[in-house]
Amino acid sequence: MKRIMIISLFSFMALTVSAQHTTSVNLYWVVETNIYYPRNSVVRFYDQRNFLVHEVKLDGVHIDIRVPRHKKKLDQLLKDYTDRAIVTSNRNKSRRSI
């Protein structure tokens, strides 16, 4: 009897843990600049599973990630995108069909 209780407890905990949904979005950015056309850059945002989430093409802009000012701008752009994505997902969750 004790064994059945322990097994059911662990199976319940496993189902509960796997059903939890995190609201935080872990994203990172990658900058791509062509050496032949240095005035064009592409910024791509990827999630924690390495799937492309968003892409921004910047014409006439050269981004050098060694420059701290550019890193700050990219981090701010990522933060703005993450905040906007969380607000949008929360807004869509609250809608219910009749």
PDB file of N, CA and C in Angstrom:
ATOM      1  N   MET A   1       0.820  -1.194   0.000  1.00  0.00           N
ATOM      2  CA  MET A   1       0.000   0.000   0.000  1.00  0.00           C
ATOM      3  C   MET A   1       0.867   1.263   0.000  1.00  0.00           C
ATOM      4  N   LYS A   2       1.916   1.204   0.806  1.00  0.00           N
ATOM      5  CA  LYS A   2       2.820   2.346   0.883  1.00  0.00           C
ATOM      6  C   LYS A   2       3.495   2.580  -0.470  1.00  0.00           C
ATOM      7  N   ARG A   3       3.834   1.521  -1.150  1.00  0.00           N
ATOM      8  CA  ARG A   3       4.491   1.619  -2.446  1.00  0.00           C
ATOM      9  C   ARG A   3       3.555   2.266  -3.475  1.00  0.00           C
ATOM     10  N   ILE A   4       2.293   1.903  -3.459  1.00  0.00           N
ATOM     11  CA  ILE A   4       1.318   2.475  -4.384  1.00  0.00           C
ATOM     12  C   ILE A   4       1.150   3.973  -4.117  1.00  0.00           C
ATOM     13  N   MET A   5       1.124   4.352  -2.860  1.00  0.00           N
ATOM     14  CA  MET A   5       0.995   5.771  -2.511  1.00  0.00           C
ATOM     15  C   MET A   5       2.200   6.570  -2.998  1.00  0.00           C
ATOM     16  N   ILE A   6       3.391   6.014  -2.822  1.00  0.00           N
ATOM     17  CA  ILE A   6       4.606   6.711  -3.256  1.00  0.00           C
ATOM     18  C   ILE A   6       4.631   6.841  -4.771  1.00  0.00           C
ATOM     19  N   ILE A   7       4.263   5.780  -5.474  1.00  0.00           N
ATOM     20  CA  ILE A   7       4.256   5.823  -6.939  1.00  0.00           C
ATOM     21  C   ILE A   7       3.223   6.830  -7.429  1.00  0.00           C
ATOM     22  N   SER A   8       2.052   6.838  -6.840  1.00  0.00           N
ATOM     23  CA  SER A   8       1.031   7.797  -7.272  1.00  0.00           C
ATOM     24  C   SER A   8       1.449   9.234  -6.947  1.00  0.00           C
ATOM     25  N   LEU A   9       2.119   9.427  -5.818  1.00  0.00           N
ATOM     26  CA  LEU A   9       2.592  10.760  -5.462  1.00  0.00           C
ATOM     27  C   LEU A   9       3.624  11.263  -6.466  1.00  0.00           C
ATOM     28  N   PHE A  10       4.598  10.418  -6.829  1.00  0.00           N
ATOM     29  CA  PHE A  10       5.625  10.823  -7.791  1.00  0.00           C
ATOM     30  C   PHE A  10       5.033  11.055  -9.180  1.00  0.00           C
ATOM     31  N   SER A  11       4.075  10.223  -9.585  1.00  0.00           N
ATOM     32  CA  SER A  11       3.460  10.427 -10.897  1.00  0.00           C
ATOM     33  C   SER A  11       2.643  11.721 -10.919  1.00  0.00           C
ATOM     34  N   PHE A  12       1.962  12.035  -9.823  1.00  0.00           N
ATOM     35  CA  PHE A  12       1.221  13.290  -9.737  1.00  0.00           C
ATOM     36  C   PHE A  12       2.170  14.478  -9.797  1.00  0.00           C
ATOM     37  N   MET A  13       3.297  14.394  -9.089  1.00  0.00           N
ATOM     38  CA  MET A  13       4.276  15.485  -9.113  1.00  0.00           C
ATOM     39  C   MET A  13       4.879  15.648 -10.503  1.00  0.00           C
ATOM     40  N   ALA A  14       5.144  14.543 -11.178  1.00  0.00           N
ATOM     41  CA  ALA A  14       5.719  14.620 -12.525  1.00  0.00           C
ATOM     42  C   ALA A  14       4.740  15.287 -13.490  1.00  0.00           C
ATOM     43  N   LEU A  15       3.458  14.967 -13.387  1.00  0.00           N
ATOM     44  CA  LEU A  15       2.466  15.597 -14.249  1.00  0.00           C
ATOM     45  C   LEU A  15       2.310  17.074 -13.927  1.00  0.00           C
ATOM     46  N   THR A  16       2.372  17.422 -12.668  1.00  0.00           N
ATOM     47  CA  THR A  16       2.234  18.816 -12.261  1.00  0.00           C
ATOM     48  C   THR A  16       3.422  19.638 -12.738  1.00  0.00           C
ATOM     49  N   VAL A  17       4.613  19.122 -12.599  1.00  0.00           N
ATOM     50  CA  VAL A  17       5.818  19.847 -13.007  1.00  0.00           C
ATOM     51  C   VAL A  17       5.848  20.026 -14.514  1.00  0.00           C
ATOM     52  N   SER A  18       5.462  19.019 -15.272  1.00  0.00           N
ATOM     53  CA  SER A  18       5.516  19.139 -16.726  1.00  0.00           C
ATOM     54  C   SER A  18       4.425  20.050 -17.265  1.00  0.00           C
ATOM     55  N   ALA A  19       3.376  20.285 -16.497  1.00  0.00           N
ATOM     56  CA  ALA A  19       2.280  21.119 -16.964  1.00  0.00           C
ATOM     57  C   ALA A  19       2.488  22.598 -16.655  1.00  0.00           C
ATOM     58  N   GLN A  20       3.517  22.940 -15.918  1.00  0.00           N
ATOM     59  CA  GLN A  20       3.743  24.338 -15.587  1.00  0.00           C
ATOM     60  C   GLN A  20       4.248  25.084 -16.815  1.00  0.00           C
ATOM     61  N   HIS A  21       3.783  26.291 -16.947  1.00  0.00           N
ATOM     62  CA  HIS A  21       4.155  27.124 -18.080  1.00  0.00           C
ATOM     63  C   HIS A  21       4.858  28.365 -17.555  1.00  0.00           C
ATOM     64  N   THR A  22       6.040  28.651 -18.089  1.00  0.00           N
ATOM     65  CA  THR A  22       6.771  29.834 -17.651  1.00  0.00           C
ATOM     66  C   THR A  22       6.380  31.020 -18.523  1.00  0.00           C
ATOM     67  N   THR A  23       6.275  32.180 -17.913  1.00  0.00           N
ATOM     68  CA  THR A  23       5.929  33.376 -18.674  1.00  0.00           C
ATOM     69  C   THR A  23       7.167  34.153 -19.100  1.00  0.00           C
ATOM     70  N   SER A  24       8.316  33.833 -18.542  1.00  0.00           N
ATOM     71  CA  SER A  24       9.522  34.552 -18.952  1.00  0.00           C
ATOM     72  C   SER A  24      10.006  34.006 -20.286  1.00  0.00           C
ATOM     73  N   VAL A  25      10.502  34.880 -21.104  1.00  0.00           N
ATOM     74  CA  VAL A  25      10.970  34.513 -22.427  1.00  0.00           C
ATOM     75  C   VAL A  25      12.476  34.722 -22.450  1.00  0.00           C
ATOM     76  N   ASN A  26      13.205  33.653 -22.691  1.00  0.00           N
ATOM     77  CA  ASN A  26      14.661  33.745 -22.766  1.00  0.00           C
ATOM     78  C   ASN A  26      15.055  33.833 -24.237  1.00  0.00           C
ATOM     79  N   LEU A  27      15.454  35.008 -24.646  1.00  0.00           N
ATOM     80  CA  LEU A  27      15.854  35.249 -26.026  1.00  0.00           C
ATOM     81  C   LEU A  27      17.294  35.737 -26.072  1.00  0.00           C
ATOM     82  N   TYR A  28      17.902  35.561 -27.224  1.00  0.00           N
ATOM     83  CA  TYR A  28      19.228  36.139 -27.451  1.00  0.00           C
ATOM     84  C   TYR A  28      19.279  36.641 -28.888  1.00  0.00           C
ATOM     85  N   TRP A  29      20.208  37.551 -29.141  1.00  0.00           N
ATOM     86  CA  TRP A  29      20.312  38.149 -30.457  1.00  0.00           C
ATOM     87  C   TRP A  29      21.592  37.713 -31.153  1.00  0.00           C
ATOM     88  N   VAL A  30      21.535  37.732 -32.491  1.00  0.00           N
ATOM     89  CA  VAL A  30      22.687  37.445 -33.343  1.00  0.00           C
ATOM     90  C   VAL A  30      22.711  38.515 -34.423  1.00  0.00           C
ATOM     91  N   VAL A  31      23.878  39.104 -34.637  1.00  0.00           N
ATOM     92  CA  VAL A  31      24.026  40.146 -35.666  1.00  0.00           C
ATOM     93  C   VAL A  31      24.820  39.571 -36.825  1.00  0.00           C
ATOM     94  N   GLU A  32      24.320  39.808 -38.019  1.00  0.00           N
ATOM     95  CA  GLU A  32      24.989  39.334 -39.222  1.00  0.00           C
ATOM     96  C   GLU A  32      25.268  40.537 -40.113  1.00  0.00           C
ATOM     97  N   THR A  33      26.539  40.741 -40.447  1.00  0.00           N
ATOM     98  CA  THR A  33      26.944  41.831 -41.337  1.00  0.00           C
ATOM     99  C   THR A  33      27.838  41.247 -42.415  1.00  0.00           C
ATOM    100  N   ASN A  34      27.550  41.558 -43.641  1.00  0.00           N
ATOM    101  CA  ASN A  34      28.308  41.056 -44.776  1.00  0.00           C
ATOM    102  C   ASN A  34      29.574  41.902 -44.956  1.00  0.00           C
ATOM    103  N   ILE A  35      30.698  41.260 -45.151  1.00  0.00           N
ATOM    104  CA  ILE A  35      31.944  42.020 -45.303  1.00  0.00           C
ATOM    105  C   ILE A  35      31.998  42.758 -46.639  1.00  0.00           C
ATOM    106  N   TYR A  36      31.234  42.300 -47.637  1.00  0.00           N
ATOM    107  CA  TYR A  36      31.226  42.972 -48.937  1.00  0.00           C
ATOM    108  C   TYR A  36      30.269  44.162 -48.956  1.00  0.00           C
ATOM    109  N   TYR A  37      29.225  44.114 -48.145  1.00  0.00           N
ATOM    110  CA  TYR A  37      28.272  45.212 -48.003  1.00  0.00           C
ATOM    111  C   TYR A  37      28.161  45.560 -46.524  1.00  0.00           C
ATOM    112  N   PRO A  38      29.157  46.249 -45.976  1.00  0.00           N
ATOM    113  CA  PRO A  38      29.189  46.470 -44.525  1.00  0.00           C
ATOM    114  C   PRO A  38      28.127  47.438 -44.012  1.00  0.00           C
ATOM    115  N   ARG A  39      27.432  48.139 -44.874  1.00  0.00           N
ATOM    116  CA  ARG A  39      26.430  49.106 -44.410  1.00  0.00           C
ATOM    117  C   ARG A  39      25.054  48.461 -44.226  1.00  0.00           C
ATOM    118  N   ASN A  40      24.966  47.153 -44.313  1.00  0.00           N
ATOM    119  CA  ASN A  40      23.712  46.448 -44.098  1.00  0.00           C
ATOM    120  C   ASN A  40      23.925  45.409 -43.001  1.00  0.00           C
ATOM    121  N   SER A  41      23.014  45.367 -42.055  1.00  0.00           N
ATOM    122  CA  SER A  41      23.101  44.409 -40.952  1.00  0.00           C
ATOM    123  C   SER A  41      21.747  43.736 -40.764  1.00  0.00           C
ATOM    124  N   VAL A  42      21.797  42.517 -40.262  1.00  0.00           N
ATOM    125  CA  VAL A  42      20.591  41.764 -39.945  1.00  0.00           C
ATOM    126  C   VAL A  42      20.696  41.338 -38.488  1.00  0.00           C
ATOM    127  N   VAL A  43      19.685  41.658 -37.712  1.00  0.00           N
ATOM    128  CA  VAL A  43      19.627  41.258 -36.305  1.00  0.00           C
ATOM    129  C   VAL A  43      18.541  40.201 -36.194  1.00  0.00           C
ATOM    130  N   ARG A  44      18.914  39.044 -35.655  1.00  0.00           N
ATOM    131  CA  ARG A  44      17.956  37.952 -35.484  1.00  0.00           C
ATOM    132  C   ARG A  44      17.825  37.623 -34.005  1.00  0.00           C
ATOM    133  N   PHE A  45      16.585  37.398 -33.573  1.00  0.00           N
ATOM    134  CA  PHE A  45      16.307  36.993 -32.201  1.00  0.00           C
ATOM    135  C   PHE A  45      15.935  35.516 -32.200  1.00  0.00           C
ATOM    136  N   TYR A  46      16.583  34.771 -31.304  1.00  0.00           N
ATOM    137  CA  TYR A  46      16.318  33.343 -31.162  1.00  0.00           C
ATOM    138  C   TYR A  46      15.850  33.059 -29.739  1.00  0.00           C
ATOM    139  N   ASP A  47      15.035  32.017 -29.591  1.00  0.00           N
ATOM    140  CA  ASP A  47      14.608  31.629 -28.254  1.00  0.00           C
ATOM    141  C   ASP A  47      15.572  30.597 -27.690  1.00  0.00           C
ATOM    142  N   GLN A  48      15.252  30.065 -26.511  1.00  0.00           N
ATOM    143  CA  GLN A  48      16.156  29.152 -25.820  1.00  0.00           C
ATOM    144  C   GLN A  48      16.299  27.814 -26.542  1.00  0.00           C
ATOM    145  N   ARG A  49      15.364  27.496 -27.452  1.00  0.00           N
ATOM    146  CA  ARG A  49      15.467  26.264 -28.230  1.00  0.00           C
ATOM    147  C   ARG A  49      16.110  26.509 -29.591  1.00  0.00           C
ATOM    148  N   ASN A  50      16.688  27.675 -29.783  1.00  0.00           N
ATOM    149  CA  ASN A  50      17.399  28.081 -30.992  1.00  0.00           C
ATOM    150  C   ASN A  50      16.486  28.193 -32.211  1.00  0.00           C
ATOM    151  N   PHE A  51      15.220  28.557 -31.993  1.00  0.00           N
ATOM    152  CA  PHE A  51      14.296  28.818 -33.083  1.00  0.00           C
ATOM    153  C   PHE A  51      14.259  30.319 -33.349  1.00  0.00           C
ATOM    154  N   LEU A  52      14.212  30.676 -34.617  1.00  0.00           N
ATOM    155  CA  LEU A  52      14.142  32.081 -34.997  1.00  0.00           C
ATOM    156  C   LEU A  52      12.794  32.646 -34.570  1.00  0.00           C
ATOM    157  N   VAL A  53      12.831  33.745 -33.827  1.00  0.00           N
ATOM    158  CA  VAL A  53      11.621  34.369 -33.321  1.00  0.00           C
ATOM    159  C   VAL A  53      11.302  35.639 -34.111  1.00  0.00           C
ATOM    160  N   HIS A  54      12.325  36.428 -34.385  1.00  0.00           N
ATOM    161  CA  HIS A  54      12.114  37.718 -35.057  1.00  0.00           C
ATOM    162  C   HIS A  54      13.384  38.094 -35.801  1.00  0.00           C
ATOM    163  N   GLU A  55      13.228  38.827 -36.882  1.00  0.00           N
ATOM    164  CA  GLU A  55      14.377  39.264 -37.684  1.00  0.00           C
ATOM    165  C   GLU A  55      14.177  40.715 -38.079  1.00  0.00           C
ATOM    166  N   VAL A  56      15.246  41.509 -37.944  1.00  0.00           N
ATOM    167  CA  VAL A  56      15.210  42.924 -38.305  1.00  0.00           C
ATOM    168  C   VAL A  56      16.344  43.187 -39.285  1.00  0.00           C
ATOM    169  N   LYS A  57      15.999  43.724 -40.449  1.00  0.00           N
ATOM    170  CA  LYS A  57      17.006  44.090 -41.449  1.00  0.00           C
ATOM    171  C   LYS A  57      17.231  45.589 -41.365  1.00  0.00           C
ATOM    172  N   LEU A  58      18.482  45.966 -41.196  1.00  0.00           N
ATOM    173  CA  LEU A  58      18.835  47.377 -41.071  1.00  0.00           C
ATOM    174  C   LEU A  58      19.680  47.781 -42.280  1.00  0.00           C
ATOM    175  N   ASP A  59      19.099  48.544 -43.167  1.00  0.00           N
ATOM    176  CA  ASP A  59      19.820  49.011 -44.354  1.00  0.00           C
ATOM    177  C   ASP A  59      20.527  50.313 -44.024  1.00  0.00           C
ATOM    178  N   GLY A  60      21.768  50.416 -44.438  1.00  0.00           N
ATOM    179  CA  GLY A  60      22.544  51.622 -44.206  1.00  0.00           C
ATOM    180  C   GLY A  60      23.111  51.732 -42.806  1.00  0.00           C
ATOM    181  N   VAL A  61      23.077  50.636 -42.049  1.00  0.00           N
ATOM    182  CA  VAL A  61      23.574  50.656 -40.670  1.00  0.00           C
ATOM    183  C   VAL A  61      24.585  49.525 -40.502  1.00  0.00           C
ATOM    184  N   HIS A  62      25.749  49.877 -39.986  1.00  0.00           N
ATOM    185  CA  HIS A  62      26.772  48.870 -39.681  1.00  0.00           C
ATOM    186  C   HIS A  62      26.817  48.693 -38.167  1.00  0.00           C
ATOM    187  N   ILE A  63      26.546  47.478 -37.709  1.00  0.00           N
ATOM    188  CA  ILE A  63      26.564  47.191 -36.276  1.00  0.00           C
ATOM    189  C   ILE A  63      27.821  46.404 -35.962  1.00  0.00           C
ATOM    190  N   ASP A  64      28.609  46.935 -35.050  1.00  0.00           N
ATOM    191  CA  ASP A  64      29.815  46.269 -34.576  1.00  0.00           C
ATOM    192  C   ASP A  64      29.586  45.909 -33.112  1.00  0.00           C
ATOM    193  N   ILE A  65      29.514  44.619 -32.803  1.00  0.00           N
ATOM    194  CA  ILE A  65      29.165  44.204 -31.442  1.00  0.00           C
ATOM    195  C   ILE A  65      30.310  44.408 -30.456  1.00  0.00           C
ATOM    196  N   ARG A  66      31.471  44.795 -30.958  1.00  0.00           N
ATOM    197  CA  ARG A  66      32.577  45.106 -30.040  1.00  0.00           C
ATOM    198  C   ARG A  66      32.415  46.482 -29.410  1.00  0.00           C
ATOM    199  N   VAL A  67      31.547  47.288 -29.989  1.00  0.00           N
ATOM    200  CA  VAL A  67      31.288  48.632 -29.465  1.00  0.00           C
ATOM    201  C   VAL A  67      30.220  48.526 -28.364  1.00  0.00           C
ATOM    202  N   PRO A  68      30.543  48.948 -27.141  1.00  0.00           N
ATOM    203  CA  PRO A  68      29.580  48.825 -26.036  1.00  0.00           C
ATOM    204  C   PRO A  68      28.254  49.536 -26.288  1.00  0.00           C
ATOM    205  N   ARG A  69      28.290  50.639 -26.975  1.00  0.00           N
ATOM    206  CA  ARG A  69      27.070  51.392 -27.278  1.00  0.00           C
ATOM    207  C   ARG A  69      26.126  50.551 -28.153  1.00  0.00           C
ATOM    208  N   HIS A  70      26.686  49.796 -29.114  1.00  0.00           N
ATOM    209  CA  HIS A  70      25.863  48.954 -29.982  1.00  0.00           C
ATOM    210  C   HIS A  70      25.272  47.785 -29.199  1.00  0.00           C
ATOM    211  N   LYS A  71      26.057  47.209 -28.278  1.00  0.00           N
ATOM    212  CA  LYS A  71      25.544  46.114 -27.447  1.00  0.00           C
ATOM    213  C   LYS A  71      24.377  46.585 -26.586  1.00  0.00           C
ATOM    214  N   LYS A  72      24.500  47.783 -26.022  1.00  0.00           N
ATOM    215  CA  LYS A  72      23.416  48.329 -25.199  1.00  0.00           C
ATOM    216  C   LYS A  72      22.150  48.527 -26.027  1.00  0.00           C
ATOM    217  N   LYS A  73      22.311  49.036 -27.243  1.00  0.00           N
ATOM    218  CA  LYS A  73      21.158  49.242 -28.115  1.00  0.00           C
ATOM    219  C   LYS A  73      20.498  47.907 -28.477  1.00  0.00           C
ATOM    220  N   LEU A  74      21.314  46.895 -28.755  1.00  0.00           N
ATOM    221  CA  LEU A  74      20.768  45.581 -29.087  1.00  0.00           C
ATOM    222  C   LEU A  74      20.054  44.960 -27.889  1.00  0.00           C
ATOM    223  N   ASP A  75      20.640  45.109 -26.706  1.00  0.00           N
ATOM    224  CA  ASP A  75      19.987  44.600 -25.501  1.00  0.00           C
ATOM    225  C   ASP A  75      18.667  45.318 -25.247  1.00  0.00           C
ATOM    226  N   GLN A  76      18.635  46.623 -25.491  1.00  0.00           N
ATOM    227  CA  GLN A  76      17.402  47.385 -25.315  1.00  0.00           C
ATOM    228  C   GLN A  76      16.346  46.960 -26.336  1.00  0.00           C
ATOM    229  N   LEU A  77      16.776  46.726 -27.568  1.00  0.00           N
ATOM    230  CA  LEU A  77      15.860  46.262 -28.607  1.00  0.00           C
ATOM    231  C   LEU A  77      15.280  44.899 -28.242  1.00  0.00           C
ATOM    232  N   LEU A  78      16.106  44.026 -27.712  1.00  0.00           N
ATOM    233  CA  LEU A  78      15.652  42.701 -27.272  1.00  0.00           C
ATOM    234  C   LEU A  78      14.684  42.811 -26.100  1.00  0.00           C
ATOM    235  N   LYS A  79      14.979  43.692 -25.166  1.00  0.00           N
ATOM    236  CA  LYS A  79      14.098  43.882 -24.009  1.00  0.00           C
ATOM    237  C   LYS A  79      12.744  44.423 -24.450  1.00  0.00           C
ATOM    238  N   ASP A  80      12.745  45.396 -25.359  1.00  0.00           N
ATOM    239  CA  ASP A  80      11.492  45.954 -25.871  1.00  0.00           C
ATOM    240  C   ASP A  80      10.674  44.879 -26.585  1.00  0.00           C
ATOM    241  N   TYR A  81      11.340  44.061 -27.382  1.00  0.00           N
ATOM    242  CA  TYR A  81      10.636  42.995 -28.094  1.00  0.00           C
ATOM    243  C   TYR A  81      10.052  41.981 -27.111  1.00  0.00           C
ATOM    244  N   THR A  82      10.811  41.625 -26.077  1.00  0.00           N
ATOM    245  CA  THR A  82      10.348  40.660 -25.080  1.00  0.00           C
ATOM    246  C   THR A  82       9.152  41.210 -24.317  1.00  0.00           C
ATOM    247  N   ASP A  83       9.232  42.473 -23.905  1.00  0.00           N
ATOM    248  CA  ASP A  83       8.115  43.084 -23.187  1.00  0.00           C
ATOM    249  C   ASP A  83       6.857  43.130 -24.056  1.00  0.00           C
ATOM    250  N   ARG A  84       7.031  43.473 -25.303  1.00  0.00           N
ATOM    251  CA  ARG A  84       5.891  43.547 -26.220  1.00  0.00           C
ATOM    252  C   ARG A  84       5.291  42.164 -26.453  1.00  0.00           C
ATOM    253  N   ALA A  85       6.148  41.128 -26.553  1.00  0.00           N
ATOM    254  CA  ALA A  85       5.653  39.764 -26.770  1.00  0.00           C
ATOM    255  C   ALA A  85       4.894  39.252 -25.556  1.00  0.00           C
ATOM    256  N   ILE A  86       5.362  39.574 -24.349  1.00  0.00           N
ATOM    257  CA  ILE A  86       4.680  39.124 -23.132  1.00  0.00           C
ATOM    258  C   ILE A  86       3.330  39.819 -23.001  1.00  0.00           C
ATOM    259  N   VAL A  87       3.278  41.108 -23.276  1.00  0.00           N
ATOM    260  CA  VAL A  87       2.007  41.838 -23.183  1.00  0.00           C
ATOM    261  C   VAL A  87       1.012  41.292 -24.199  1.00  0.00           C
ATOM    262  N   THR A  88       1.466  41.015 -25.402  1.00  0.00           N
ATOM    263  CA  THR A  88       0.585  40.478 -26.432  1.00  0.00           C
ATOM    264  C   THR A  88       0.062  39.104 -26.056  1.00  0.00           C
ATOM    265  N   SER A  89       0.930  38.249 -25.517  1.00  0.00           N
ATOM    266  CA  SER A  89       0.474  36.909 -25.136  1.00  0.00           C
ATOM    267  C   SER A  89      -0.500  36.974 -23.968  1.00  0.00           C
ATOM    268  N   ASN A  90      -0.294  37.886 -23.020  1.00  0.00           N
ATOM    269  CA  ASN A  90      -1.231  38.039 -21.908  1.00  0.00           C
ATOM    270  C   ASN A  90      -2.570  38.576 -22.393  1.00  0.00           C
ATOM    271  N   ARG A  91      -2.543  39.464 -23.350  1.00  0.00           N
ATOM    272  CA  ARG A  91      -3.778  40.027 -23.886  1.00  0.00           C
ATOM    273  C   ARG A  91      -4.584  38.935 -24.598  1.00  0.00           C
ATOM    274  N   ASN A  92      -3.908  38.066 -25.337  1.00  0.00           N
ATOM    275  CA  ASN A  92      -4.606  37.003 -26.050  1.00  0.00           C
ATOM    276  C   ASN A  92      -5.117  35.922 -25.101  1.00  0.00           C
ATOM    277  N   LYS A  93      -4.461  35.716 -23.973  1.00  0.00           N
ATOM    278  CA  LYS A  93      -4.909  34.724 -23.000  1.00  0.00           C
ATOM    279  C   LYS A  93      -6.224  35.128 -22.358  1.00  0.00           C
ATOM    280  N   SER A  94      -6.407  36.429 -22.124  1.00  0.00           N
ATOM    281  CA  SER A  94      -7.568  36.885 -21.387  1.00  0.00           C
ATOM    282  C   SER A  94      -8.862  36.811 -22.209  1.00  0.00           C
ATOM    283  N   ARG A  95      -8.768  36.672 -23.494  1.00  0.00           N
ATOM    284  CA  ARG A  95      -9.959  36.596 -24.329  1.00  0.00           C
ATOM    285  C   ARG A  95     -10.541  35.187 -24.273  1.00  0.00           C
ATOM    286  N   ARG A  96     -11.831  35.144 -24.099  1.00  0.00           N
ATOM    287  CA  ARG A  96     -12.526  33.860 -24.058  1.00  0.00           C
ATOM    288  C   ARG A  96     -13.627  33.876 -25.091  1.00  0.00           C
ATOM    289  N   SER A  97     -13.826  32.740 -25.704  1.00  0.00           N
ATOM    290  CA  SER A  97     -14.937  32.650 -26.659  1.00  0.00           C
ATOM    291  C   SER A  97     -16.225  32.353 -25.906  1.00  0.00           C
ATOM    292  N   ILE A  98     -17.312  32.778 -26.468  1.00  0.00           N
ATOM    293  CA  ILE A  98     -18.610  32.596 -25.808  1.00  0.00           C
ATOM    294  C   ILE A  98     -19.192  31.258 -26.139  1.00  0.00           C
TER     295      ILE A  98
END
